[in-house]
Amino acid sequence: MFQDKFEKMVITATTANSWIYPDLKNWAENTDDLIDDVVKCYEAGAAIAHIHLPRGEEIETVKRIRERCDIIIQAGMSSYPIEERSPDFNAKPDLLSVIANHHAEHFPEGSINVIHDLAELEQYCVSCKKFNIKVEWEIWHTGSYWNLKYLIEKGVLDPPYVLTLFFNWPGGTWSPPSADEYLHRIKYIPEDSIHTISVMGREQTKIAVLAIQHGGNVRVGTEDFPFIKEGVPAKDNAQIVARMVRISKEMGRETADPSEAKKILGI
């Protein structure tokens, strides 16, 4: 019932460890297993793999994934300052995660507090163009939009703007995983934007269903919520991806393969 109105839904698989359930460990803990996990997510229906590229193995990891499938590679760890992300640029992923505001997160194993000012965000735009990488902007609150619009008005960004809206990540940039917060966030989204949701915790499915209904896209995986349902840990990320594919199809919205997703995202 949504297919005539909206494009196909793009699923991102986030393969990293869970920040809020660090003892669960149903994720890959070495490079070989990470690559296998990404390929299984691709086979299950993910168009994008959000990956924390292993330090010292960035180029080789991207190369090995591309030898096995054509999934879109999104390099994560936006908490690092741009000076520490040269290895990610050199690996030339399709997308690079950049937070559009400062980091203020709090997890069982520690807190993250990193300032990302406008000068750094502008440098990201310049560097990504140089390496032919699309920026994926992490949007944690409406203040993120102010920074994004600043960059758009400066002419350093080309549409479509690829955004991931974050909900329920603990810390000073927290926002509630609620319907009214999601609807508020998409009300003010810049024109020519494509949005995905990332929800940390059990409310993920509720917000995912809203996103599917409103033309958004969904990110799932062990980094966000490593369960297939509350109290039941997922066997692996492919199982989590397959569940979201099934939900979207049952709602009448097909999911995009990587080639279709590239057209949607302007890659």
C-alpha atoms as a PDB file:
ATOM      1  CA  MET A   1       0.000   0.000   0.000  1.00  0.00           C
ATOM      2  CA  PHE A   2       3.021   2.302   0.321  1.00  0.00           C
ATOM      3  CA  GLN A   3       4.912   1.264  -2.786  1.00  0.00           C
ATOM      4  CA  ASP A   4       3.163   3.699  -5.134  1.00  0.00           C
ATOM      5  CA  LYS A   5       3.960   6.631  -2.825  1.00  0.00           C
ATOM      6  CA  PHE A   6       7.446   5.857  -1.569  1.00  0.00           C
ATOM      7  CA  GLU A   7      10.646   4.432  -2.964  1.00  0.00           C
ATOM      8  CA  LYS A   8      11.839   1.063  -1.757  1.00  0.00           C
ATOM      9  CA  MET A   9      13.038   0.896   1.845  1.00  0.00           C
ATOM     10  CA  VAL A  10      16.807   0.884   2.387  1.00  0.00           C
ATOM     11  CA  ILE A  11      18.065  -1.287   5.246  1.00  0.00           C
ATOM     12  CA  THR A  12      21.374  -0.545   6.948  1.00  0.00           C
ATOM     13  CA  ALA A  13      22.978  -3.312   9.001  1.00  0.00           C
ATOM     14  CA  THR A  14      25.127  -2.006  11.829  1.00  0.00           C
ATOM     15  CA  THR A  15      27.565  -4.772  12.665  1.00  0.00           C
ATOM     16  CA  ALA A  16      29.460  -3.392  15.654  1.00  0.00           C
ATOM     17  CA  ASN A  17      29.302  -4.287  19.336  1.00  0.00           C
ATOM     18  CA  SER A  18      26.391  -3.224  21.523  1.00  0.00           C
ATOM     19  CA  TRP A  19      27.285  -0.200  23.635  1.00  0.00           C
ATOM     20  CA  ILE A  20      24.460  -0.820  26.097  1.00  0.00           C
ATOM     21  CA  TYR A  21      24.772  -4.629  26.310  1.00  0.00           C
ATOM     22  CA  PRO A  22      28.572  -5.073  26.232  1.00  0.00           C
ATOM     23  CA  ASP A  23      28.494  -8.576  27.734  1.00  0.00           C
ATOM     24  CA  LEU A  24      26.167 -10.100  25.138  1.00  0.00           C
ATOM     25  CA  LYS A  25      28.816 -10.551  22.414  1.00  0.00           C
ATOM     26  CA  ASN A  26      26.660 -11.819  19.547  1.00  0.00           C
ATOM     27  CA  TRP A  27      28.693  -9.762  17.087  1.00  0.00           C
ATOM     28  CA  ALA A  28      31.933 -10.310  15.156  1.00  0.00           C
ATOM     29  CA  GLU A  29      35.104  -9.834  17.186  1.00  0.00           C
ATOM     30  CA  ASN A  30      37.712 -10.241  14.429  1.00  0.00           C
ATOM     31  CA  THR A  31      38.062  -9.082  10.836  1.00  0.00           C
ATOM     32  CA  ASP A  32      37.298 -12.405   9.166  1.00  0.00           C
ATOM     33  CA  ASP A  33      34.081 -12.813  11.143  1.00  0.00           C
ATOM     34  CA  LEU A  34      33.156  -9.192  10.469  1.00  0.00           C
ATOM     35  CA  ILE A  35      33.420  -9.712   6.716  1.00  0.00           C
ATOM     36  CA  ASP A  36      31.379 -12.921   6.921  1.00  0.00           C
ATOM     37  CA  ASP A  37      28.764 -11.047   8.967  1.00  0.00           C
ATOM     38  CA  VAL A  38      28.525  -8.268   6.370  1.00  0.00           C
ATOM     39  CA  VAL A  39      28.069 -10.764   3.532  1.00  0.00           C
ATOM     40  CA  LYS A  40      25.317 -12.579   5.452  1.00  0.00           C
ATOM     41  CA  CYS A  41      23.559  -9.262   6.074  1.00  0.00           C
ATOM     42  CA  TYR A  42      23.735  -8.538   2.348  1.00  0.00           C
ATOM     43  CA  GLU A  43      22.243 -11.936   1.573  1.00  0.00           C
ATOM     44  CA  ALA A  44      19.472 -11.289   4.121  1.00  0.00           C
ATOM     45  CA  GLY A  45      18.483  -8.029   2.416  1.00  0.00           C
ATOM     46  CA  ALA A  46      20.654  -5.202   3.750  1.00  0.00           C
ATOM     47  CA  ALA A  47      21.715  -2.631   1.163  1.00  0.00           C
ATOM     48  CA  ILE A  48      24.194  -0.832   3.449  1.00  0.00           C
ATOM     49  CA  ALA A  49      26.693  -2.141   5.987  1.00  0.00           C
ATOM     50  CA  HIS A  50      27.637   0.314   8.732  1.00  0.00           C
ATOM     51  CA  ILE A  51      31.114  -0.839   9.742  1.00  0.00           C
ATOM     52  CA  HIS A  52      33.680   0.231  12.311  1.00  0.00           C
ATOM     53  CA  LEU A  53      36.624  -0.532  10.044  1.00  0.00           C
ATOM     54  CA  PRO A  54      39.360  -2.362  12.001  1.00  0.00           C
ATOM     55  CA  ARG A  55      42.242   0.015  12.642  1.00  0.00           C
ATOM     56  CA  GLY A  56      45.236  -0.874  10.502  1.00  0.00           C
ATOM     57  CA  GLU A  57      43.053  -2.975   8.165  1.00  0.00           C
ATOM     58  CA  GLU A  58      40.733  -0.365   6.673  1.00  0.00           C
ATOM     59  CA  ILE A  59      41.757  -0.641   3.021  1.00  0.00           C
ATOM     60  CA  GLU A  60      42.012  -4.419   3.087  1.00  0.00           C
ATOM     61  CA  THR A  61      38.639  -4.832   4.824  1.00  0.00           C
ATOM     62  CA  VAL A  62      36.810  -2.700   2.249  1.00  0.00           C
ATOM     63  CA  LYS A  63      38.578  -4.547  -0.571  1.00  0.00           C
ATOM     64  CA  ARG A  64      37.677  -7.978   0.811  1.00  0.00           C
ATOM     65  CA  ILE A  65      34.013  -7.075   1.278  1.00  0.00           C
ATOM     66  CA  ARG A  66      33.769  -5.738  -2.280  1.00  0.00           C
ATOM     67  CA  GLU A  67      35.278  -8.942  -3.610  1.00  0.00           C
ATOM     68  CA  ARG A  68      32.387 -10.901  -2.112  1.00  0.00           C
ATOM     69  CA  CYS A  69      29.340  -8.642  -2.585  1.00  0.00           C
ATOM     70  CA  ASP A  70      28.238  -5.201  -3.746  1.00  0.00           C
ATOM     71  CA  ILE A  71      26.784  -3.983  -0.445  1.00  0.00           C
ATOM     72  CA  ILE A  72      27.200  -0.242   0.154  1.00  0.00           C
ATOM     73  CA  ILE A  73      29.959   0.312   2.704  1.00  0.00           C
ATOM     74  CA  GLN A  74      29.404   2.992   5.332  1.00  0.00           C
ATOM     75  CA  ALA A  75      32.420   3.719   7.543  1.00  0.00           C
ATOM     76  CA  GLY A  76      31.374   4.526  11.099  1.00  0.00           C
ATOM     77  CA  MET A  77      32.952   5.868  14.296  1.00  0.00           C
ATOM     78  CA  SER A  78      31.915   9.477  13.850  1.00  0.00           C
ATOM     79  CA  SER A  79      33.069  10.127  17.426  1.00  0.00           C
ATOM     80  CA  TYR A  80      36.665  10.346  16.170  1.00  0.00           C
ATOM     81  CA  PRO A  81      37.865  13.835  15.217  1.00  0.00           C
ATOM     82  CA  ILE A  82      38.523  14.222  11.512  1.00  0.00           C
ATOM     83  CA  GLU A  83      42.310  14.143  12.077  1.00  0.00           C
ATOM     84  CA  GLU A  84      42.004  10.505  13.171  1.00  0.00           C
ATOM     85  CA  ARG A  85      39.907   9.376  10.217  1.00  0.00           C
ATOM     86  CA  SER A  86      42.479   9.491   7.426  1.00  0.00           C
ATOM     87  CA  PRO A  87      42.512   5.660   7.267  1.00  0.00           C
ATOM     88  CA  ASP A  88      38.753   5.696   6.617  1.00  0.00           C
ATOM     89  CA  PHE A  89      39.139   8.224   3.795  1.00  0.00           C
ATOM     90  CA  ASN A  90      41.949   6.201   2.249  1.00  0.00           C
ATOM     91  CA  ALA A  91      39.820   3.032   2.319  1.00  0.00           C
ATOM     92  CA  LYS A  92      37.277   4.865   0.097  1.00  0.00           C
ATOM     93  CA  PRO A  93      33.997   3.520   1.449  1.00  0.00           C
ATOM     94  CA  ASP A  94      30.799   4.603  -0.298  1.00  0.00           C
ATOM     95  CA  LEU A  95      29.561   6.534   2.728  1.00  0.00           C
ATOM     96  CA  LEU A  96      31.269   8.099   5.741  1.00  0.00           C
ATOM     97  CA  SER A  97      29.353   8.686   8.977  1.00  0.00           C
ATOM     98  CA  VAL A  98      29.706  12.238  10.296  1.00  0.00           C
ATOM     99  CA  ILE A  99      27.821  13.486  13.347  1.00  0.00           C
ATOM    100  CA  ALA A 100      26.167  16.861  12.708  1.00  0.00           C
ATOM    101  CA  ASN A 101      26.631  17.998  16.313  1.00  0.00           C
ATOM    102  CA  HIS A 102      28.839  17.178  19.300  1.00  0.00           C
ATOM    103  CA  HIS A 103      29.095  13.751  20.916  1.00  0.00           C
ATOM    104  CA  ALA A 104      27.753  13.447  24.446  1.00  0.00           C
ATOM    105  CA  GLU A 105      27.115   9.750  25.086  1.00  0.00           C
ATOM    106  CA  HIS A 106      27.165   7.609  28.211  1.00  0.00           C
ATOM    107  CA  PHE A 107      27.492   3.821  28.227  1.00  0.00           C
ATOM    108  CA  PRO A 108      28.310   1.126  30.816  1.00  0.00           C
ATOM    109  CA  GLU A 109      31.944   1.062  29.723  1.00  0.00           C
ATOM    110  CA  GLY A 110      32.439   4.835  29.663  1.00  0.00           C
ATOM    111  CA  SER A 111      31.383   8.209  28.327  1.00  0.00           C
ATOM    112  CA  ILE A 112      32.164   9.944  25.039  1.00  0.00           C
ATOM    113  CA  ASN A 113      32.396  13.731  24.931  1.00  0.00           C
ATOM    114  CA  VAL A 114      33.796  15.190  21.710  1.00  0.00           C
ATOM    115  CA  ILE A 115      33.160  18.590  20.150  1.00  0.00           C
ATOM    116  CA  HIS A 116      32.702  18.709  16.354  1.00  0.00           C
ATOM    117  CA  ASP A 117      32.569  22.373  15.342  1.00  0.00           C
ATOM    118  CA  LEU A 118      31.409  23.909  12.071  1.00  0.00           C
ATOM    119  CA  ALA A 119      34.961  24.146  10.751  1.00  0.00           C
ATOM    120  CA  GLU A 120      35.416  20.397  11.177  1.00  0.00           C
ATOM    121  CA  LEU A 121      32.059  19.646   9.544  1.00  0.00           C
ATOM    122  CA  GLU A 122      32.975  21.836   6.579  1.00  0.00           C
ATOM    123  CA  GLN A 123      36.314  20.038   6.274  1.00  0.00           C
ATOM    124  CA  TYR A 124      34.434  16.738   6.168  1.00  0.00           C
ATOM    125  CA  CYS A 125      32.457  18.023   3.199  1.00  0.00           C
ATOM    126  CA  VAL A 126      35.632  19.055   1.377  1.00  0.00           C
ATOM    127  CA  SER A 127      37.503  15.839   2.152  1.00  0.00           C
ATOM    128  CA  CYS A 128      34.608  13.564   1.197  1.00  0.00           C
ATOM    129  CA  LYS A 129      34.300  15.282  -2.173  1.00  0.00           C
ATOM    130  CA  LYS A 130      38.028  14.833  -2.697  1.00  0.00           C
ATOM    131  CA  PHE A 131      37.771  11.079  -2.060  1.00  0.00           C
ATOM    132  CA  ASN A 132      34.405  10.711  -3.857  1.00  0.00           C
ATOM    133  CA  ILE A 133      32.665   9.595  -0.655  1.00  0.00           C
ATOM    134  CA  LYS A 134      29.082  10.536   0.232  1.00  0.00           C
ATOM    135  CA  VAL A 135      28.552  11.965   3.721  1.00  0.00           C
ATOM    136  CA  GLU A 136      25.998  10.219   5.922  1.00  0.00           C
ATOM    137  CA  TRP A 137      24.953  12.781   8.534  1.00  0.00           C
ATOM    138  CA  GLU A 138      24.042  11.596  12.022  1.00  0.00           C
ATOM    139  CA  ILE A 139      21.155  13.750  13.279  1.00  0.00           C
ATOM    140  CA  TRP A 140      20.603  13.600  17.046  1.00  0.00           C
ATOM    141  CA  HIS A 141      18.279  16.589  17.541  1.00  0.00           C
ATOM    142  CA  THR A 142      16.945  19.574  15.610  1.00  0.00           C
ATOM    143  CA  GLY A 143      20.120  21.551  16.339  1.00  0.00           C
ATOM    144  CA  SER A 144      21.829  19.130  13.948  1.00  0.00           C
ATOM    145  CA  TYR A 145      19.636  20.586  11.185  1.00  0.00           C
ATOM    146  CA  TRP A 146      20.931  24.091  11.871  1.00  0.00           C
ATOM    147  CA  ASN A 147      24.488  22.906  11.240  1.00  0.00           C
ATOM    148  CA  LEU A 148      23.422  20.997   8.146  1.00  0.00           C
ATOM    149  CA  LYS A 149      21.589  24.000   6.700  1.00  0.00           C
ATOM    150  CA  TYR A 150      24.658  26.147   7.378  1.00  0.00           C
ATOM    151  CA  LEU A 151      26.739  23.783   5.236  1.00  0.00           C
ATOM    152  CA  ILE A 152      24.086  23.647   2.516  1.00  0.00           C
ATOM    153  CA  GLU A 153      23.931  27.441   2.346  1.00  0.00           C
ATOM    154  CA  LYS A 154      27.737  27.593   2.072  1.00  0.00           C
ATOM    155  CA  GLY A 155      27.471  25.379  -1.025  1.00  0.00           C
ATOM    156  CA  VAL A 156      29.734  22.616   0.232  1.00  0.00           C
ATOM    157  CA  LEU A 157      27.088  19.852   0.097  1.00  0.00           C
ATOM    158  CA  ASP A 158      25.289  18.297  -2.847  1.00  0.00           C
ATOM    159  CA  PRO A 159      21.805  16.786  -2.571  1.00  0.00           C
ATOM    160  CA  PRO A 160      20.332  14.402  -1.781  1.00  0.00           C
ATOM    161  CA  TYR A 161      21.407  14.730   1.843  1.00  0.00           C
ATOM    162  CA  VAL A 162      21.734  11.338   3.513  1.00  0.00           C
ATOM    163  CA  LEU A 163      20.644  11.504   7.154  1.00  0.00           C
ATOM    164  CA  THR A 164      20.319   9.040  10.023  1.00  0.00           C
ATOM    165  CA  LEU A 165      18.045  10.195  12.832  1.00  0.00           C
ATOM    166  CA  PHE A 166      19.187   8.882  16.231  1.00  0.00           C
ATOM    167  CA  PHE A 167      16.819   8.114  19.111  1.00  0.00           C
ATOM    168  CA  ASN A 168      17.376   6.891  22.694  1.00  0.00           C
ATOM    169  CA  TRP A 169      21.174   6.896  22.601  1.00  0.00           C
ATOM    170  CA  PRO A 170      22.069   7.638  26.255  1.00  0.00           C
ATOM    171  CA  GLY A 171      23.907  10.818  27.157  1.00  0.00           C
ATOM    172  CA  GLY A 172      23.574  14.547  26.706  1.00  0.00           C
ATOM    173  CA  THR A 173      22.287  14.304  23.129  1.00  0.00           C
ATOM    174  CA  TRP A 174      19.554  11.797  24.067  1.00  0.00           C
ATOM    175  CA  SER A 175      16.102  12.069  22.509  1.00  0.00           C
ATOM    176  CA  PRO A 176      13.036   9.956  23.307  1.00  0.00           C
ATOM    177  CA  PRO A 177      12.188   6.934  21.115  1.00  0.00           C
ATOM    178  CA  SER A 178       8.617   8.095  20.666  1.00  0.00           C
ATOM    179  CA  ALA A 179       6.209   8.710  17.818  1.00  0.00           C
ATOM    180  CA  ASP A 180       5.916  12.425  18.569  1.00  0.00           C
ATOM    181  CA  GLU A 181       9.711  12.849  18.583  1.00  0.00           C
ATOM    182  CA  TYR A 182      10.033  11.046  15.229  1.00  0.00           C
ATOM    183  CA  LEU A 183       7.239  13.102  13.652  1.00  0.00           C
ATOM    184  CA  HIS A 184       8.734  16.301  15.103  1.00  0.00           C
ATOM    185  CA  ARG A 185      12.129  15.424  13.656  1.00  0.00           C
ATOM    186  CA  ILE A 186      10.851  14.710  10.140  1.00  0.00           C
ATOM    187  CA  LYS A 187       8.709  17.873  10.220  1.00  0.00           C
ATOM    188  CA  TYR A 188      11.870  19.993  10.188  1.00  0.00           C
ATOM    189  CA  ILE A 189      14.041  17.830   7.963  1.00  0.00           C
ATOM    190  CA  PRO A 190      15.779  19.802   5.181  1.00  0.00           C
ATOM    191  CA  GLU A 191      14.421  19.460   1.651  1.00  0.00           C
ATOM    192  CA  ASP A 192      16.137  16.914  -0.610  1.00  0.00           C
ATOM    193  CA  SER A 193      16.951  14.666   2.358  1.00  0.00           C
ATOM    194  CA  ILE A 194      16.776  10.882   2.612  1.00  0.00           C
ATOM    195  CA  HIS A 195      16.406   9.686   6.193  1.00  0.00           C
ATOM    196  CA  THR A 196      17.095   6.493   8.100  1.00  0.00           C
ATOM    197  CA  ILE A 197      16.301   5.840  11.764  1.00  0.00           C
ATOM    198  CA  SER A 198      18.644   4.424  14.398  1.00  0.00           C
ATOM    199  CA  VAL A 199      16.970   3.486  17.685  1.00  0.00           C
ATOM    200  CA  MET A 200      18.897   2.111  20.625  1.00  0.00           C
ATOM    201  CA  GLY A 201      16.661  -0.185  22.660  1.00  0.00           C
ATOM    202  CA  ARG A 202      13.425  -2.129  22.553  1.00  0.00           C
ATOM    203  CA  GLU A 203      11.393   0.731  21.026  1.00  0.00           C
ATOM    204  CA  GLN A 204      13.243   0.188  17.752  1.00  0.00           C
ATOM    205  CA  THR A 205      10.441  -1.721  16.005  1.00  0.00           C
ATOM    206  CA  LYS A 206       7.831   0.901  16.911  1.00  0.00           C
ATOM    207  CA  ILE A 207       9.874   3.716  15.349  1.00  0.00           C
ATOM    208  CA  ALA A 208      10.896   1.531  12.400  1.00  0.00           C
ATOM    209  CA  VAL A 209       7.242   0.934  11.532  1.00  0.00           C
ATOM    210  CA  LEU A 210       6.636   4.704  11.621  1.00  0.00           C
ATOM    211  CA  ALA A 211       9.619   5.297   9.349  1.00  0.00           C
ATOM    212  CA  ILE A 212       8.420   2.680   6.864  1.00  0.00           C
ATOM    213  CA  GLN A 213       4.988   4.366   6.854  1.00  0.00           C
ATOM    214  CA  HIS A 214       6.481   7.820   6.266  1.00  0.00           C
ATOM    215  CA  GLY A 215       8.979   6.987   3.534  1.00  0.00           C
ATOM    216  CA  GLY A 216      11.987   6.622   5.804  1.00  0.00           C
ATOM    217  CA  ASN A 217      14.560   3.868   5.992  1.00  0.00           C
ATOM    218  CA  VAL A 218      15.751   1.667   8.841  1.00  0.00           C
ATOM    219  CA  ARG A 219      19.069   0.806  10.472  1.00  0.00           C
ATOM    220  CA  VAL A 220      19.206  -2.364  12.559  1.00  0.00           C
ATOM    221  CA  GLY A 221      21.901  -4.550  14.071  1.00  0.00           C
ATOM    222  CA  THR A 222      23.857  -5.409  17.165  1.00  0.00           C
ATOM    223  CA  GLU A 223      25.199  -1.892  17.724  1.00  0.00           C
ATOM    224  CA  ASP A 224      21.665  -0.512  18.117  1.00  0.00           C
ATOM    225  CA  PHE A 225      19.678  -3.428  19.598  1.00  0.00           C
ATOM    226  CA  PRO A 226      21.196  -6.940  19.591  1.00  0.00           C
ATOM    227  CA  PHE A 227      17.879  -8.739  20.172  1.00  0.00           C
ATOM    228  CA  ILE A 228      15.360 -10.309  17.820  1.00  0.00           C
ATOM    229  CA  LYS A 229      12.740  -9.321  20.381  1.00  0.00           C
ATOM    230  CA  GLU A 230      12.940  -8.191  23.972  1.00  0.00           C
ATOM    231  CA  GLY A 231      14.803 -10.786  26.031  1.00  0.00           C
ATOM    232  CA  VAL A 232      15.780 -12.917  23.018  1.00  0.00           C
ATOM    233  CA  PRO A 233      19.310 -12.204  21.690  1.00  0.00           C
ATOM    234  CA  ALA A 234      19.705 -12.467  17.935  1.00  0.00           C
ATOM    235  CA  LYS A 235      21.740 -15.338  16.550  1.00  0.00           C
ATOM    236  CA  ASP A 236      23.506 -12.875  14.273  1.00  0.00           C
ATOM    237  CA  ASN A 237      22.947  -9.637  12.392  1.00  0.00           C
ATOM    238  CA  ALA A 238      21.509 -11.417   9.362  1.00  0.00           C
ATOM    239  CA  GLN A 239      18.627 -12.620  11.518  1.00  0.00           C
ATOM    240  CA  ILE A 240      17.925  -9.046  12.621  1.00  0.00           C
ATOM    241  CA  VAL A 241      18.039  -7.814   9.011  1.00  0.00           C
ATOM    242  CA  ALA A 242      15.744 -10.603   7.774  1.00  0.00           C
ATOM    243  CA  ARG A 243      13.168  -9.685  10.418  1.00  0.00           C
ATOM    244  CA  MET A 244      13.075  -6.048   9.275  1.00  0.00           C
ATOM    245  CA  VAL A 245      12.826  -7.101   5.615  1.00  0.00           C
ATOM    246  CA  ARG A 246       9.815  -9.210   6.558  1.00  0.00           C
ATOM    247  CA  ILE A 247       8.158  -6.364   8.489  1.00  0.00           C
ATOM    248  CA  SER A 248       8.597  -3.932   5.612  1.00  0.00           C
ATOM    249  CA  LYS A 249       7.236  -6.384   3.045  1.00  0.00           C
ATOM    250  CA  GLU A 250       4.244  -7.195   5.254  1.00  0.00           C
ATOM    251  CA  MET A 251       3.511  -3.465   5.314  1.00  0.00           C
ATOM    252  CA  GLY A 252       3.568  -3.402   1.523  1.00  0.00           C
ATOM    253  CA  ARG A 253       6.936  -1.736   1.038  1.00  0.00           C
ATOM    254  CA  GLU A 254       9.657  -3.665  -0.766  1.00  0.00           C
ATOM    255  CA  THR A 255      13.309  -3.310   0.195  1.00  0.00           C
ATOM    256  CA  ALA A 256      16.062  -1.944  -2.042  1.00  0.00           C
ATOM    257  CA  ASP A 257      19.091  -3.866  -3.186  1.00  0.00           C
ATOM    258  CA  PRO A 258      22.450  -2.032  -3.201  1.00  0.00           C
ATOM    259  CA  SER A 259      22.161  -0.824  -6.817  1.00  0.00           C
ATOM    260  CA  GLU A 260      18.673   0.564  -6.150  1.00  0.00           C
ATOM    261  CA  ALA A 261      19.832   2.106  -2.872  1.00  0.00           C
ATOM    262  CA  LYS A 262      22.704   3.899  -4.617  1.00  0.00           C
ATOM    263  CA  LYS A 263      20.214   5.628  -6.903  1.00  0.00           C
ATOM    264  CA  ILE A 264      17.994   6.597  -3.965  1.00  0.00           C
ATOM    265  CA  LEU A 265      20.948   7.971  -1.971  1.00  0.00           C
ATOM    266  CA  GLY A 266      22.643   9.709  -4.879  1.00  0.00           C
ATOM    267  CA  ILE A 267      25.839   7.670  -4.634  1.00  0.00           C
END
